[in-house]
Amino acid sequence: MPKTSPRSANAPAAAAAAQRGPLATPAEVAAYLGVPVKTLYQWKYRGIGPNVYKVGRHLRYRWSEVDAWVTGQSAYDLAV
């Protein structure tokens, strides 16, 4: 069985990231993660969620940091 290159394995994620803007609203991140918006606010308060930034009086997330946070949440080492 031929091995796939890491670049081709990440192609769907890269394509999805290209369609998103650089910053996301809490509602967009909540929908992406499948959690309520209130959970994001709780994570922000506890300091356990993805990095969040204030732009004026609005909260915004960087998609790259959300993806990195999700990757870091892996409970198991799935690398072969």
Protein backbone atom coordinates (compact mmCIF):
# COMPACT_ATOMS: atom_id res chain seq x y z
CA MET A 1 0.00 0.00 0.00
CA PRO A 2 1.60 3.33 -1.02
CA LYS A 3 2.05 5.94 1.67
CA THR A 4 0.38 9.28 1.17
CA SER A 5 2.43 12.39 1.60
CA PRO A 6 1.52 14.67 4.50
CA ARG A 7 0.72 17.40 2.02
CA SER A 8 -2.00 15.35 0.30
CA ALA A 9 -3.43 14.16 3.63
CA ASN A 10 -3.93 17.79 4.73
CA ALA A 11 -5.40 18.93 1.42
CA PRO A 12 -9.06 18.90 2.61
CA ALA A 13 -8.17 20.88 5.72
CA ALA A 14 -6.18 23.38 3.67
CA ALA A 15 -9.08 23.77 1.23
CA ALA A 16 -11.52 24.38 4.09
CA ALA A 17 -9.17 26.92 5.68
CA ALA A 18 -8.88 28.78 2.38
CA GLN A 19 -12.66 29.26 2.29
CA ARG A 20 -12.77 30.70 5.82
CA GLY A 21 -11.69 34.21 6.68
CA PRO A 22 -8.71 34.78 8.95
CA LEU A 23 -10.91 35.60 11.97
CA ALA A 24 -13.99 33.80 13.24
CA THR A 25 -16.85 34.82 15.48
CA PRO A 26 -17.73 32.78 18.55
CA ALA A 27 -20.81 31.48 16.72
CA GLU A 28 -18.69 30.20 13.81
CA VAL A 29 -16.20 28.49 16.14
CA ALA A 30 -19.02 26.98 18.20
CA ALA A 31 -20.62 25.55 15.07
CA TYR A 32 -17.24 24.22 13.87
CA LEU A 33 -16.53 22.53 17.23
CA GLY A 34 -20.12 21.38 17.76
CA VAL A 35 -20.48 23.09 21.15
CA PRO A 36 -22.77 25.88 22.37
CA VAL A 37 -21.43 29.45 22.26
CA LYS A 38 -21.83 29.58 26.04
CA THR A 39 -19.23 26.79 26.30
CA LEU A 40 -16.71 28.98 24.45
CA TYR A 41 -17.31 31.78 26.93
CA GLN A 42 -16.80 29.35 29.82
CA TRP A 43 -13.56 28.06 28.27
CA LYS A 44 -12.37 31.66 27.83
CA TYR A 45 -13.14 32.42 31.49
CA ARG A 46 -11.31 29.28 32.65
CA GLY A 47 -8.44 29.77 30.21
CA ILE A 48 -8.78 26.30 28.70
CA GLY A 49 -10.16 26.97 25.22
CA PRO A 50 -8.60 28.26 22.02
CA ASN A 51 -6.97 31.69 22.14
CA VAL A 52 -9.48 34.50 21.77
CA TYR A 53 -8.89 38.15 20.85
CA LYS A 54 -10.91 41.27 21.46
CA VAL A 55 -11.44 43.39 18.38
CA GLY A 56 -13.10 46.47 19.72
CA ARG A 57 -15.76 45.00 21.94
CA HIS A 58 -16.11 41.80 19.92
CA LEU A 59 -14.43 38.44 20.47
CA ARG A 60 -12.66 36.85 17.53
CA TYR A 61 -10.72 33.63 17.01
CA ARG A 62 -7.94 32.89 14.52
CA TRP A 63 -8.83 29.75 12.58
CA SER A 64 -5.22 28.59 12.60
CA GLU A 65 -5.18 28.73 16.41
CA VAL A 66 -8.53 26.98 16.70
CA ASP A 67 -7.22 24.15 14.50
CA ALA A 68 -3.99 23.98 16.53
CA TRP A 69 -6.00 23.85 19.76
CA VAL A 70 -8.17 21.02 18.42
CA THR A 71 -5.05 19.10 17.41
CA GLY A 72 -3.62 19.58 20.89
CA GLN A 73 -6.77 18.15 22.49
CA SER A 74 -5.99 14.64 21.27
CA ALA A 75 -6.23 12.27 24.21
CA TYR A 76 -4.36 9.52 22.42
CA ASP A 77 -1.23 9.49 20.30
CA LEU A 78 -2.63 8.31 16.99
CA ALA A 79 0.65 8.53 15.08
CA VAL A 80 1.74 5.23 13.64
